[in-house]
């Protein structure tokens, strides 16, 4: 089923959807009331207007704290990258020297500095971008006065951009170390750039899925 709207700003409609879920490989259908974006056909969590405004207000208040926290994290990431690059490259260069691999010493030095430069550039860019994303979210929050649903959608889009396009499945709250309260492992994985980790203030604002999803029916 397709529902559409020609408006620039999205119109939303509360729709009863029937979602097929599986428990122990057995399907069952669950009815849910969800919010449908008539422009994009995206499905969102259905929040009453006062709940949406309350959540948006909380985002407005927490956003500056989150911005400074993300910037501080990236500054810490720079220190971590410097230390890690120096330690491991020195270790590898010493091993190459010990075994007489002179050319490998220079290769290790050059490669480690290139990787370090890439990491530092990424961290600095993230620090510079943070205030712009934060200001955009503040303005999106103010739009809640006119349309809470559009404000939620704008915040969701901005947050996803701030998280480099990573969705809520990568949010740090889903990490096993976070759930198990293993602080040292959690911090180590946060600083590991090979891990794709996102930080969402309002994960509940993100789209749940599409109206065209195979397990969704609208009657």
N, C-alpha and C. Protein backbone atom coordinates (compact mmCIF):
# COMPACT_ATOMS: atom_id res chain seq x y z
N UNK A 1 0.85 -1.19 0.00
CA UNK A 1 0.00 0.00 0.00
C UNK A 1 0.88 1.24 0.00
N UNK A 2 0.56 2.21 -0.86
CA UNK A 2 1.35 3.44 -0.95
C UNK A 2 0.49 4.64 -0.59
N UNK A 3 1.04 5.52 0.27
CA UNK A 3 0.36 6.75 0.66
C UNK A 3 1.30 7.88 0.33
N UNK A 4 0.82 8.92 -0.32
CA UNK A 4 1.74 9.97 -0.73
C UNK A 4 1.19 11.35 -0.45
N UNK A 5 2.13 12.33 -0.40
CA UNK A 5 1.78 13.72 -0.19
C UNK A 5 2.74 14.59 -0.98
N UNK A 6 2.27 15.64 -1.66
CA UNK A 6 3.14 16.47 -2.48
C UNK A 6 3.83 17.58 -1.70
N UNK A 7 3.60 17.71 -0.39
CA UNK A 7 4.11 18.83 0.39
C UNK A 7 5.63 18.79 0.53
N UNK A 8 6.25 20.00 0.63
CA UNK A 8 7.70 20.06 0.86
C UNK A 8 8.04 19.51 2.24
N UNK A 9 7.34 20.04 3.25
CA UNK A 9 7.46 19.45 4.58
C UNK A 9 6.54 18.25 4.64
N UNK A 10 6.98 17.24 5.34
CA UNK A 10 6.23 15.99 5.35
C UNK A 10 4.91 16.12 6.08
N UNK A 11 3.91 15.45 5.53
CA UNK A 11 2.67 15.22 6.26
C UNK A 11 2.78 13.82 6.86
N UNK A 12 2.19 13.65 8.03
CA UNK A 12 2.24 12.37 8.71
C UNK A 12 0.83 11.87 8.97
N UNK A 13 0.68 10.55 8.95
CA UNK A 13 -0.60 9.93 9.23
C UNK A 13 -0.39 8.75 10.16
N UNK A 14 -1.24 8.68 11.18
CA UNK A 14 -1.20 7.51 12.07
C UNK A 14 -1.95 6.37 11.39
N UNK A 15 -1.24 5.25 11.25
CA UNK A 15 -1.78 4.12 10.50
C UNK A 15 -1.60 2.85 11.33
N UNK A 16 -2.61 1.98 11.29
CA UNK A 16 -2.50 0.66 11.92
C UNK A 16 -1.76 -0.26 10.96
N UNK A 17 -0.61 -0.73 11.37
CA UNK A 17 0.16 -1.65 10.54
C UNK A 17 0.19 -3.02 11.21
N UNK A 18 0.27 -4.03 10.40
CA UNK A 18 0.32 -5.41 10.89
C UNK A 18 1.69 -5.97 10.58
N UNK A 19 2.47 -6.19 11.63
CA UNK A 19 3.86 -6.60 11.47
C UNK A 19 4.01 -8.09 11.79
N UNK A 20 4.59 -8.80 10.84
CA UNK A 20 4.85 -10.23 11.04
C UNK A 20 6.17 -10.40 11.78
N UNK A 21 6.10 -11.03 12.95
CA UNK A 21 7.29 -11.30 13.75
C UNK A 21 7.44 -12.80 13.93
N UNK A 22 8.64 -13.21 14.32
CA UNK A 22 8.91 -14.63 14.48
C UNK A 22 9.43 -14.92 15.89
N UNK A 23 8.83 -15.88 16.53
CA UNK A 23 9.29 -16.37 17.84
C UNK A 23 9.46 -17.87 17.72
N UNK A 24 10.70 -18.33 17.95
CA UNK A 24 11.02 -19.76 17.79
C UNK A 24 10.63 -20.26 16.40
N UNK A 25 10.93 -19.42 15.39
CA UNK A 25 10.67 -19.74 13.98
C UNK A 25 9.19 -19.81 13.63
N UNK A 26 8.33 -19.42 14.58
CA UNK A 26 6.89 -19.42 14.31
C UNK A 26 6.41 -17.99 14.11
N UNK A 27 5.75 -17.73 12.97
CA UNK A 27 5.30 -16.35 12.71
C UNK A 27 4.02 -16.01 13.47
N UNK A 28 3.96 -14.75 13.89
CA UNK A 28 2.70 -14.24 14.41
C UNK A 28 2.60 -12.76 14.02
N UNK A 29 1.39 -12.28 13.90
CA UNK A 29 1.14 -10.92 13.42
C UNK A 29 0.77 -10.03 14.60
N UNK A 30 1.45 -8.90 14.67
CA UNK A 30 1.21 -7.96 15.76
C UNK A 30 0.74 -6.63 15.17
N UNK A 31 -0.35 -6.10 15.72
CA UNK A 31 -0.88 -4.83 15.25
C UNK A 31 -0.22 -3.68 16.02
N UNK A 32 0.22 -2.67 15.26
CA UNK A 32 0.84 -1.50 15.88
C UNK A 32 0.31 -0.23 15.22
N UNK A 33 0.21 0.82 16.00
CA UNK A 33 -0.11 2.14 15.45
C UNK A 33 1.21 2.87 15.25
N UNK A 34 1.50 3.19 14.01
CA UNK A 34 2.75 3.88 13.70
C UNK A 34 2.49 5.15 12.91
N UNK A 35 3.50 6.01 12.90
CA UNK A 35 3.41 7.28 12.20
C UNK A 35 4.07 7.12 10.83
N UNK A 36 3.33 7.40 9.78
CA UNK A 36 3.85 7.23 8.41
C UNK A 36 4.15 8.59 7.80
N UNK A 37 5.36 8.76 7.31
CA UNK A 37 5.74 9.95 6.55
C UNK A 37 5.18 9.78 5.15
N UNK A 38 4.23 10.63 4.78
CA UNK A 38 3.55 10.46 3.50
C UNK A 38 4.44 10.78 2.31
N UNK A 39 5.55 11.49 2.53
CA UNK A 39 6.47 11.81 1.44
C UNK A 39 7.45 10.67 1.16
N UNK A 40 7.98 10.09 2.22
CA UNK A 40 9.04 9.11 2.06
C UNK A 40 8.60 7.67 2.31
N UNK A 41 7.38 7.51 2.87
CA UNK A 41 6.85 6.19 3.24
C UNK A 41 7.61 5.56 4.40
N UNK A 42 8.38 6.37 5.13
CA UNK A 42 9.09 5.86 6.30
C UNK A 42 8.13 5.71 7.47
N UNK A 43 8.40 4.69 8.30
CA UNK A 43 7.59 4.45 9.49
C UNK A 43 8.33 4.94 10.72
N UNK A 44 7.60 5.67 11.57
CA UNK A 44 8.17 6.20 12.80
C UNK A 44 7.35 5.75 14.00
N UNK A 45 8.00 5.79 15.17
CA UNK A 45 7.28 5.50 16.41
C UNK A 45 6.19 6.54 16.62
N UNK A 46 5.01 6.08 17.03
CA UNK A 46 3.88 6.98 17.23
C UNK A 46 3.91 7.54 18.65
N UNK A 47 4.33 8.79 18.77
CA UNK A 47 4.34 9.46 20.07
C UNK A 47 3.17 10.45 20.14
N UNK A 48 2.45 10.48 21.25
CA UNK A 48 1.48 11.56 21.45
C UNK A 48 2.19 12.91 21.39
N UNK A 49 1.48 13.96 21.01
CA UNK A 49 2.10 15.27 20.81
C UNK A 49 2.86 15.75 22.04
N UNK A 50 2.29 15.57 23.23
CA UNK A 50 2.97 16.07 24.43
C UNK A 50 4.23 15.27 24.73
N UNK A 51 4.24 13.96 24.41
CA UNK A 51 5.45 13.15 24.58
C UNK A 51 6.53 13.61 23.61
N UNK A 52 6.13 13.87 22.37
CA UNK A 52 7.10 14.33 21.36
C UNK A 52 7.72 15.65 21.77
N UNK A 53 6.90 16.58 22.22
CA UNK A 53 7.41 17.90 22.63
C UNK A 53 8.32 17.76 23.84
N UNK A 54 7.96 16.90 24.78
CA UNK A 54 8.80 16.68 25.97
C UNK A 54 10.16 16.12 25.57
N UNK A 55 10.18 15.16 24.65
CA UNK A 55 11.44 14.56 24.21
C UNK A 55 12.29 15.58 23.45
N UNK A 56 11.64 16.38 22.61
CA UNK A 56 12.36 17.40 21.84
C UNK A 56 12.95 18.44 22.78
N UNK A 57 12.21 18.82 23.83
CA UNK A 57 12.72 19.76 24.82
C UNK A 57 13.95 19.20 25.51
N UNK A 58 13.91 17.91 25.83
CA UNK A 58 15.05 17.26 26.47
C UNK A 58 16.26 17.27 25.55
N UNK A 59 16.03 17.00 24.26
CA UNK A 59 17.13 17.06 23.28
C UNK A 59 17.71 18.47 23.23
N UNK A 60 16.85 19.48 23.24
CA UNK A 60 17.29 20.88 23.19
C UNK A 60 18.21 21.19 24.37
N UNK A 61 17.86 20.68 25.56
CA UNK A 61 18.63 20.97 26.76
C UNK A 61 19.94 20.16 26.82
N UNK A 62 19.90 18.92 26.34
CA UNK A 62 21.07 18.05 26.42
C UNK A 62 22.06 18.27 25.28
N UNK A 63 21.59 18.82 24.18
CA UNK A 63 22.40 18.94 22.97
C UNK A 63 23.74 19.65 23.19
N UNK A 64 23.78 20.80 23.90
CA UNK A 64 25.10 21.43 24.13
C UNK A 64 26.06 20.53 24.91
N UNK A 65 25.54 19.79 25.89
CA UNK A 65 26.38 18.88 26.67
C UNK A 65 26.93 17.77 25.77
N UNK A 66 26.06 17.24 24.91
CA UNK A 66 26.48 16.18 23.99
C UNK A 66 27.55 16.70 23.02
N UNK A 67 27.36 17.94 22.55
CA UNK A 67 28.33 18.53 21.61
C UNK A 67 29.72 18.61 22.26
N UNK A 68 29.79 19.17 23.47
CA UNK A 68 31.09 19.29 24.14
C UNK A 68 31.66 17.92 24.49
N UNK A 69 30.78 16.97 24.82
CA UNK A 69 31.25 15.61 25.13
C UNK A 69 31.87 14.96 23.90
N UNK A 70 31.22 15.13 22.73
CA UNK A 70 31.76 14.55 21.49
C UNK A 70 33.08 15.21 21.11
N UNK A 71 33.16 16.53 21.30
CA UNK A 71 34.41 17.24 21.00
C UNK A 71 35.52 16.78 21.94
N UNK A 72 35.19 16.63 23.22
CA UNK A 72 36.18 16.15 24.19
C UNK A 72 36.63 14.73 23.85
N UNK A 73 35.68 13.91 23.40
CA UNK A 73 36.03 12.54 23.01
C UNK A 73 37.02 12.54 21.84
N UNK A 74 36.78 13.41 20.86
CA UNK A 74 37.68 13.48 19.71
C UNK A 74 39.06 14.01 20.10
N UNK A 75 39.11 14.93 21.06
CA UNK A 75 40.41 15.38 21.57
C UNK A 75 41.14 14.21 22.23
N UNK A 76 40.39 13.43 23.04
CA UNK A 76 40.96 12.24 23.65
C UNK A 76 41.40 11.22 22.61
N UNK A 77 40.62 11.14 21.51
CA UNK A 77 40.96 10.22 20.43
C UNK A 77 42.29 10.60 19.78
N UNK A 78 42.53 11.91 19.67
CA UNK A 78 43.80 12.38 19.10
C UNK A 78 44.98 11.91 19.97
N UNK A 79 44.83 12.08 21.30
CA UNK A 79 45.88 11.63 22.21
C UNK A 79 46.08 10.12 22.14
N UNK A 80 44.97 9.40 22.06
CA UNK A 80 45.03 7.94 21.96
C UNK A 80 45.73 7.52 20.67
N UNK A 81 45.38 8.16 19.54
CA UNK A 81 45.98 7.80 18.25
C UNK A 81 47.48 8.09 18.24
N UNK A 82 47.89 9.23 18.82
CA UNK A 82 49.31 9.56 18.91
C UNK A 82 50.06 8.48 19.69
N UNK A 83 49.52 8.16 20.87
CA UNK A 83 50.17 7.19 21.75
C UNK A 83 50.25 5.81 21.10
N UNK A 84 49.12 5.37 20.53
CA UNK A 84 49.07 4.05 19.91
C UNK A 84 50.02 3.97 18.72
N UNK A 85 50.03 5.04 17.89
CA UNK A 85 50.89 5.04 16.71
C UNK A 85 52.36 5.00 17.11
N UNK A 86 52.72 5.81 18.10
CA UNK A 86 54.12 5.85 18.54
C UNK A 86 54.55 4.51 19.13
N UNK A 87 53.70 3.94 19.98
CA UNK A 87 54.05 2.70 20.68
C UNK A 87 54.21 1.54 19.70
N UNK A 88 53.18 1.32 18.87
CA UNK A 88 53.21 0.15 17.99
C UNK A 88 54.22 0.31 16.86
N UNK A 89 54.34 1.52 16.31
CA UNK A 89 55.32 1.70 15.24
C UNK A 89 56.74 1.54 15.79
N UNK A 90 56.98 2.04 17.01
CA UNK A 90 58.31 1.88 17.62
C UNK A 90 58.60 0.41 17.88
N UNK A 91 57.59 -0.32 18.33
CA UNK A 91 57.75 -1.74 18.62
C UNK A 91 58.08 -2.51 17.34
N UNK A 92 57.34 -2.21 16.27
CA UNK A 92 57.56 -2.89 14.99
C UNK A 92 58.91 -2.51 14.37
N UNK A 93 59.28 -1.24 14.52
CA UNK A 93 60.57 -0.79 13.97
C UNK A 93 61.73 -1.44 14.71
N UNK A 94 61.57 -1.58 16.03
CA UNK A 94 62.62 -2.26 16.81
C UNK A 94 62.76 -3.72 16.39
N UNK A 95 61.61 -4.37 16.15
CA UNK A 95 61.63 -5.77 15.71
C UNK A 95 62.30 -5.90 14.35
N UNK A 96 62.00 -4.94 13.44
CA UNK A 96 62.63 -4.97 12.11
C UNK A 96 64.14 -4.75 12.24
N UNK A 97 64.52 -3.80 13.11
CA UNK A 97 65.96 -3.53 13.31
C UNK A 97 66.66 -4.76 13.88
N UNK A 98 66.02 -5.41 14.84
CA UNK A 98 66.62 -6.58 15.50
C UNK A 98 66.86 -7.72 14.50
N UNK A 99 65.97 -7.84 13.52
CA UNK A 99 66.09 -8.92 12.53
C UNK A 99 66.75 -8.44 11.24
N UNK A 100 67.28 -7.22 11.26
CA UNK A 100 68.03 -6.73 10.12
C UNK A 100 67.21 -6.33 8.93
N UNK A 101 65.93 -6.07 9.14
CA UNK A 101 65.07 -5.66 8.02
C UNK A 101 65.08 -4.13 7.93
N UNK A 102 66.14 -3.60 7.40
CA UNK A 102 66.36 -2.14 7.39
C UNK A 102 65.29 -1.42 6.55
N UNK A 103 65.00 -1.97 5.37
CA UNK A 103 64.01 -1.32 4.50
C UNK A 103 62.64 -1.31 5.17
N UNK A 104 62.31 -2.38 5.89
CA UNK A 104 61.01 -2.47 6.58
C UNK A 104 60.88 -1.38 7.64
N UNK A 105 62.01 -0.95 8.22
CA UNK A 105 61.97 0.11 9.23
C UNK A 105 61.39 1.39 8.62
N UNK A 106 61.90 1.74 7.43
CA UNK A 106 61.42 2.95 6.76
C UNK A 106 59.97 2.80 6.30
N UNK A 107 59.64 1.60 5.83
CA UNK A 107 58.25 1.35 5.42
C UNK A 107 57.30 1.50 6.61
N UNK A 108 57.68 0.93 7.74
CA UNK A 108 56.85 1.01 8.95
C UNK A 108 56.68 2.46 9.38
N UNK A 109 57.77 3.23 9.31
CA UNK A 109 57.72 4.65 9.71
C UNK A 109 56.76 5.43 8.83
N UNK A 110 56.89 5.26 7.52
CA UNK A 110 56.07 6.02 6.58
C UNK A 110 54.60 5.63 6.70
N UNK A 111 54.32 4.31 6.72
CA UNK A 111 52.94 3.83 6.79
C UNK A 111 52.28 4.29 8.09
N UNK A 112 52.99 4.20 9.21
CA UNK A 112 52.41 4.60 10.50
C UNK A 112 52.08 6.08 10.52
N UNK A 113 52.91 6.89 9.89
CA UNK A 113 52.66 8.35 9.87
C UNK A 113 51.49 8.68 8.95
N UNK A 114 51.35 7.94 7.84
CA UNK A 114 50.20 8.17 6.94
C UNK A 114 48.90 7.83 7.65
N UNK A 115 48.87 6.67 8.33
CA UNK A 115 47.68 6.26 9.06
C UNK A 115 47.36 7.26 10.17
N UNK A 116 48.40 7.71 10.88
CA UNK A 116 48.20 8.69 11.96
C UNK A 116 47.63 9.99 11.40
N UNK A 117 48.14 10.44 10.25
CA UNK A 117 47.63 11.67 9.63
C UNK A 117 46.15 11.52 9.27
N UNK A 118 45.78 10.37 8.72
CA UNK A 118 44.38 10.13 8.36
C UNK A 118 43.49 10.18 9.60
N UNK A 119 43.93 9.55 10.67
CA UNK A 119 43.16 9.53 11.91
C UNK A 119 43.02 10.94 12.50
N UNK A 120 44.14 11.68 12.50
CA UNK A 120 44.10 13.03 13.06
C UNK A 120 43.20 13.95 12.24
N UNK A 121 43.27 13.82 10.92
CA UNK A 121 42.43 14.64 10.05
C UNK A 121 40.95 14.35 10.32
N UNK A 122 40.62 13.06 10.49
CA UNK A 122 39.23 12.68 10.77
C UNK A 122 38.77 13.25 12.10
N UNK A 123 39.64 13.18 13.12
CA UNK A 123 39.27 13.70 14.45
C UNK A 123 39.07 15.21 14.42
N UNK A 124 39.97 15.91 13.75
CA UNK A 124 39.88 17.38 13.68
C UNK A 124 38.63 17.80 12.92
N UNK A 125 38.32 17.11 11.83
CA UNK A 125 37.11 17.42 11.07
C UNK A 125 35.87 17.21 11.94
N UNK A 126 35.86 16.13 12.71
CA UNK A 126 34.71 15.87 13.60
C UNK A 126 34.56 16.95 14.65
N UNK A 127 35.68 17.46 15.17
CA UNK A 127 35.64 18.54 16.16
C UNK A 127 35.07 19.81 15.53
N UNK A 128 35.53 20.12 14.33
CA UNK A 128 35.08 21.34 13.64
C UNK A 128 33.60 21.25 13.28
N UNK A 129 33.15 20.07 12.87
CA UNK A 129 31.75 19.90 12.44
C UNK A 129 30.77 19.91 13.60
N UNK A 130 31.21 19.51 14.77
CA UNK A 130 30.29 19.32 15.90
C UNK A 130 29.41 20.54 16.20
N UNK A 131 29.97 21.77 16.29
CA UNK A 131 29.11 22.92 16.59
C UNK A 131 28.04 23.16 15.52
N UNK A 132 28.36 22.89 14.26
CA UNK A 132 27.40 23.11 13.19
C UNK A 132 26.22 22.14 13.30
N UNK A 133 26.52 20.88 13.57
CA UNK A 133 25.44 19.91 13.76
C UNK A 133 24.62 20.25 15.00
N UNK A 134 25.30 20.69 16.06
CA UNK A 134 24.59 21.04 17.30
C UNK A 134 23.65 22.21 17.09
N UNK A 135 24.12 23.24 16.39
CA UNK A 135 23.27 24.41 16.11
C UNK A 135 22.08 24.00 15.24
N UNK A 136 22.31 23.15 14.25
CA UNK A 136 21.22 22.68 13.38
C UNK A 136 20.16 21.95 14.20
N UNK A 137 20.59 21.13 15.17
CA UNK A 137 19.64 20.42 16.01
C UNK A 137 18.84 21.39 16.88
N UNK A 138 19.51 22.44 17.39
CA UNK A 138 18.80 23.43 18.21
C UNK A 138 17.68 24.10 17.41
N UNK A 139 17.98 24.47 16.17
CA UNK A 139 16.96 25.10 15.32
C UNK A 139 15.84 24.10 14.99
N UNK A 140 16.21 22.85 14.76
CA UNK A 140 15.19 21.83 14.48
C UNK A 140 14.26 21.65 15.68
N UNK A 141 14.82 21.73 16.88
CA UNK A 141 14.00 21.62 18.10
C UNK A 141 12.97 22.75 18.17
N UNK A 142 13.38 23.94 17.79
CA UNK A 142 12.47 25.08 17.83
C UNK A 142 11.30 24.91 16.87
N UNK A 143 11.52 24.11 15.82
CA UNK A 143 10.47 23.87 14.83
C UNK A 143 9.32 23.06 15.43
N UNK A 144 9.55 22.48 16.61
CA UNK A 144 8.50 21.70 17.28
C UNK A 144 7.29 22.54 17.61
N UNK A 145 7.49 23.86 17.72
CA UNK A 145 6.36 24.77 17.99
C UNK A 145 5.34 24.69 16.86
N UNK A 146 5.83 24.48 15.63
CA UNK A 146 4.96 24.43 14.45
C UNK A 146 4.51 23.01 14.17
N UNK A 147 5.46 22.07 14.17
CA UNK A 147 5.15 20.68 13.83
C UNK A 147 6.11 19.74 14.56
N UNK A 148 5.68 19.16 15.68
CA UNK A 148 6.55 18.24 16.42
C UNK A 148 7.05 17.06 15.58
N UNK A 149 6.19 16.53 14.70
CA UNK A 149 6.60 15.38 13.90
C UNK A 149 7.69 15.74 12.90
N UNK A 150 7.56 16.90 12.27
CA UNK A 150 8.61 17.34 11.36
C UNK A 150 9.89 17.67 12.12
N UNK A 151 9.75 18.21 13.33
CA UNK A 151 10.92 18.50 14.15
C UNK A 151 11.66 17.20 14.48
N UNK A 152 10.90 16.16 14.85
CA UNK A 152 11.51 14.85 15.15
C UNK A 152 12.25 14.32 13.92
N UNK A 153 11.62 14.45 12.76
CA UNK A 153 12.24 13.95 11.54
C UNK A 153 13.53 14.71 11.23
N UNK A 154 13.51 16.04 11.40
CA UNK A 154 14.70 16.84 11.13
C UNK A 154 15.83 16.48 12.09
N UNK A 155 15.48 16.33 13.37
CA UNK A 155 16.49 15.94 14.36
C UNK A 155 17.09 14.58 13.99
N UNK A 156 16.24 13.65 13.57
CA UNK A 156 16.70 12.31 13.19
C UNK A 156 17.68 12.39 12.02
N UNK A 157 17.36 13.21 11.01
CA UNK A 157 18.24 13.32 9.84
C UNK A 157 19.58 13.95 10.21
N UNK A 158 19.52 15.01 11.05
CA UNK A 158 20.75 15.69 11.45
C UNK A 158 21.62 14.77 12.29
N UNK A 159 20.99 14.07 13.23
CA UNK A 159 21.75 13.15 14.08
C UNK A 159 22.42 12.05 13.27
N UNK A 160 21.72 11.55 12.28
CA UNK A 160 22.32 10.49 11.46
C UNK A 160 23.52 11.03 10.68
N UNK A 161 23.39 12.26 10.18
CA UNK A 161 24.53 12.89 9.50
C UNK A 161 25.70 13.11 10.45
N UNK A 162 25.39 13.51 11.68
CA UNK A 162 26.42 13.71 12.70
C UNK A 162 27.13 12.40 13.02
N UNK A 163 26.42 11.30 12.89
CA UNK A 163 26.98 9.98 13.14
C UNK A 163 27.50 9.32 11.87
N UNK A 164 27.82 10.14 10.87
CA UNK A 164 28.44 9.66 9.64
C UNK A 164 27.60 8.62 8.90
N UNK A 165 26.28 8.73 9.06
CA UNK A 165 25.37 7.84 8.36
C UNK A 165 25.15 6.50 9.03
N UNK A 166 25.81 6.26 10.16
CA UNK A 166 25.60 5.00 10.90
C UNK A 166 24.23 5.03 11.57
N UNK A 167 23.49 3.93 11.46
CA UNK A 167 22.14 3.93 12.04
C UNK A 167 22.19 3.52 13.51
N UNK A 168 21.01 3.46 14.12
CA UNK A 168 20.93 3.20 15.56
C UNK A 168 21.38 1.78 15.93
N UNK A 169 21.46 0.89 14.96
CA UNK A 169 21.96 -0.46 15.27
C UNK A 169 23.40 -0.41 15.76
N UNK A 170 24.12 0.66 15.40
CA UNK A 170 25.52 0.81 15.80
C UNK A 170 25.66 1.67 17.06
N UNK A 171 24.54 2.06 17.68
CA UNK A 171 24.61 2.93 18.84
C UNK A 171 25.36 2.23 19.99
N UNK A 172 26.14 3.03 20.74
CA UNK A 172 26.99 2.45 21.79
C UNK A 172 26.20 1.68 22.84
N UNK A 173 24.90 2.01 22.99
CA UNK A 173 24.08 1.32 23.98
C UNK A 173 23.80 -0.14 23.62
N UNK A 174 24.10 -0.50 22.36
CA UNK A 174 23.92 -1.89 21.94
C UNK A 174 25.19 -2.73 22.14
N UNK A 175 26.28 -2.08 22.55
CA UNK A 175 27.53 -2.81 22.73
C UNK A 175 27.44 -3.72 23.95
N UNK A 176 27.95 -4.95 23.81
CA UNK A 176 27.90 -5.92 24.91
C UNK A 176 28.67 -5.40 26.13
N UNK A 177 29.78 -4.70 25.88
CA UNK A 177 30.58 -4.17 26.99
C UNK A 177 29.80 -3.13 27.78
N UNK A 178 28.97 -2.35 27.07
CA UNK A 178 28.16 -1.34 27.75
C UNK A 178 27.06 -2.02 28.58
N UNK A 179 26.42 -3.02 27.98
CA UNK A 179 25.35 -3.73 28.69
C UNK A 179 25.88 -4.47 29.92
N UNK A 180 27.10 -5.03 29.78
CA UNK A 180 27.68 -5.81 30.88
C UNK A 180 28.49 -4.94 31.85
N UNK A 181 28.54 -3.63 31.57
CA UNK A 181 29.26 -2.68 32.42
C UNK A 181 30.74 -3.01 32.56
N UNK A 182 31.34 -3.45 31.44
CA UNK A 182 32.77 -3.70 31.42
C UNK A 182 33.46 -2.44 30.93
N UNK A 183 33.76 -1.54 31.87
CA UNK A 183 34.17 -0.18 31.55
C UNK A 183 35.43 -0.12 30.70
N UNK A 184 36.48 -0.84 31.09
CA UNK A 184 37.75 -0.76 30.35
C UNK A 184 37.60 -1.28 28.92
N UNK A 185 36.91 -2.41 28.77
CA UNK A 185 36.68 -2.95 27.42
C UNK A 185 35.82 -2.00 26.60
N UNK A 186 34.83 -1.40 27.26
CA UNK A 186 33.94 -0.45 26.57
C UNK A 186 34.72 0.75 26.05
N UNK A 187 35.57 1.34 26.90
CA UNK A 187 36.36 2.50 26.49
C UNK A 187 37.33 2.12 25.38
N UNK A 188 37.97 0.95 25.51
CA UNK A 188 38.90 0.50 24.49
C UNK A 188 38.24 0.34 23.13
N UNK A 189 37.04 -0.20 23.12
CA UNK A 189 36.31 -0.38 21.86
C UNK A 189 35.83 0.96 21.29
N UNK A 190 35.52 1.91 22.17
CA UNK A 190 35.11 3.24 21.69
C UNK A 190 36.24 3.90 20.90
N UNK A 191 37.47 3.77 21.41
CA UNK A 191 38.61 4.42 20.77
C UNK A 191 39.14 3.64 19.57
N UNK A 192 38.70 2.42 19.39
CA UNK A 192 39.15 1.61 18.26
C UNK A 192 38.41 2.04 17.00
N UNK A 193 39.14 2.66 16.09
CA UNK A 193 38.50 3.21 14.89
C UNK A 193 37.95 2.15 13.94
N UNK A 194 38.36 0.90 14.14
CA UNK A 194 37.83 -0.16 13.29
C UNK A 194 36.38 -0.49 13.65
N UNK A 195 35.97 -0.10 14.84
CA UNK A 195 34.58 -0.34 15.27
C UNK A 195 33.70 0.80 14.80
N UNK A 196 32.59 0.46 14.20
CA UNK A 196 31.63 1.49 13.76
C UNK A 196 30.61 1.71 14.87
N UNK A 197 30.76 2.81 15.59
CA UNK A 197 29.93 3.09 16.76
C UNK A 197 29.28 4.46 16.59
N UNK A 198 27.99 4.53 16.86
CA UNK A 198 27.27 5.80 16.77
C UNK A 198 26.81 6.24 18.16
N UNK A 199 26.53 7.54 18.29
CA UNK A 199 26.11 8.13 19.56
C UNK A 199 24.84 8.95 19.30
N UNK A 200 23.71 8.39 19.64
CA UNK A 200 22.43 9.07 19.39
C UNK A 200 21.82 9.60 20.68
N UNK A 201 21.40 10.86 20.66
CA UNK A 201 20.65 11.42 21.78
C UNK A 201 19.23 10.88 21.78
N UNK A 202 18.65 10.83 20.59
CA UNK A 202 17.24 10.44 20.46
C UNK A 202 17.09 9.30 19.45
N UNK A 203 17.53 8.09 19.80
CA UNK A 203 17.40 6.97 18.86
C UNK A 203 15.94 6.67 18.51
N UNK A 204 15.02 7.04 19.43
CA UNK A 204 13.60 6.77 19.18
C UNK A 204 13.02 7.66 18.09
N UNK A 205 13.75 8.69 17.66
CA UNK A 205 13.29 9.56 16.57
C UNK A 205 13.60 8.96 15.20
N UNK A 206 14.50 8.00 15.15
CA UNK A 206 14.91 7.43 13.87
C UNK A 206 13.79 6.58 13.26
N UNK A 207 13.73 6.50 11.92
CA UNK A 207 12.71 5.67 11.28
C UNK A 207 12.81 4.20 11.71
N UNK A 208 11.67 3.57 11.88
CA UNK A 208 11.63 2.16 12.24
C UNK A 208 11.85 1.29 11.01
N UNK A 209 11.39 1.78 9.88
CA UNK A 209 11.48 1.03 8.63
C UNK A 209 10.67 1.72 7.56
N UNK A 210 10.37 1.00 6.50
CA UNK A 210 9.59 1.53 5.39
C UNK A 210 8.21 0.86 5.34
N UNK A 211 7.26 1.56 4.78
CA UNK A 211 5.93 1.01 4.62
C UNK A 211 5.95 -0.19 3.67
N UNK A 212 6.96 -0.21 2.80
CA UNK A 212 7.07 -1.28 1.80
C UNK A 212 7.79 -2.52 2.33
N UNK A 213 8.22 -2.50 3.60
CA UNK A 213 8.91 -3.67 4.15
C UNK A 213 8.05 -4.92 4.00
N UNK A 214 8.69 -6.06 3.71
CA UNK A 214 7.96 -7.29 3.40
C UNK A 214 7.12 -7.81 4.58
N UNK A 215 7.57 -7.50 5.80
CA UNK A 215 6.84 -8.02 6.96
C UNK A 215 5.73 -7.07 7.44
N UNK A 216 5.46 -6.03 6.64
CA UNK A 216 4.47 -5.02 7.03
C UNK A 216 3.29 -5.03 6.07
N UNK A 217 2.11 -5.01 6.64
CA UNK A 217 0.89 -4.90 5.84
C UNK A 217 -0.01 -3.81 6.43
N UNK A 218 -0.66 -3.07 5.56
CA UNK A 218 -1.64 -2.07 5.97
C UNK A 218 -2.97 -2.46 5.36
N UNK A 219 -3.94 -2.67 6.20
CA UNK A 219 -5.26 -3.13 5.71
C UNK A 219 -6.25 -1.98 5.78
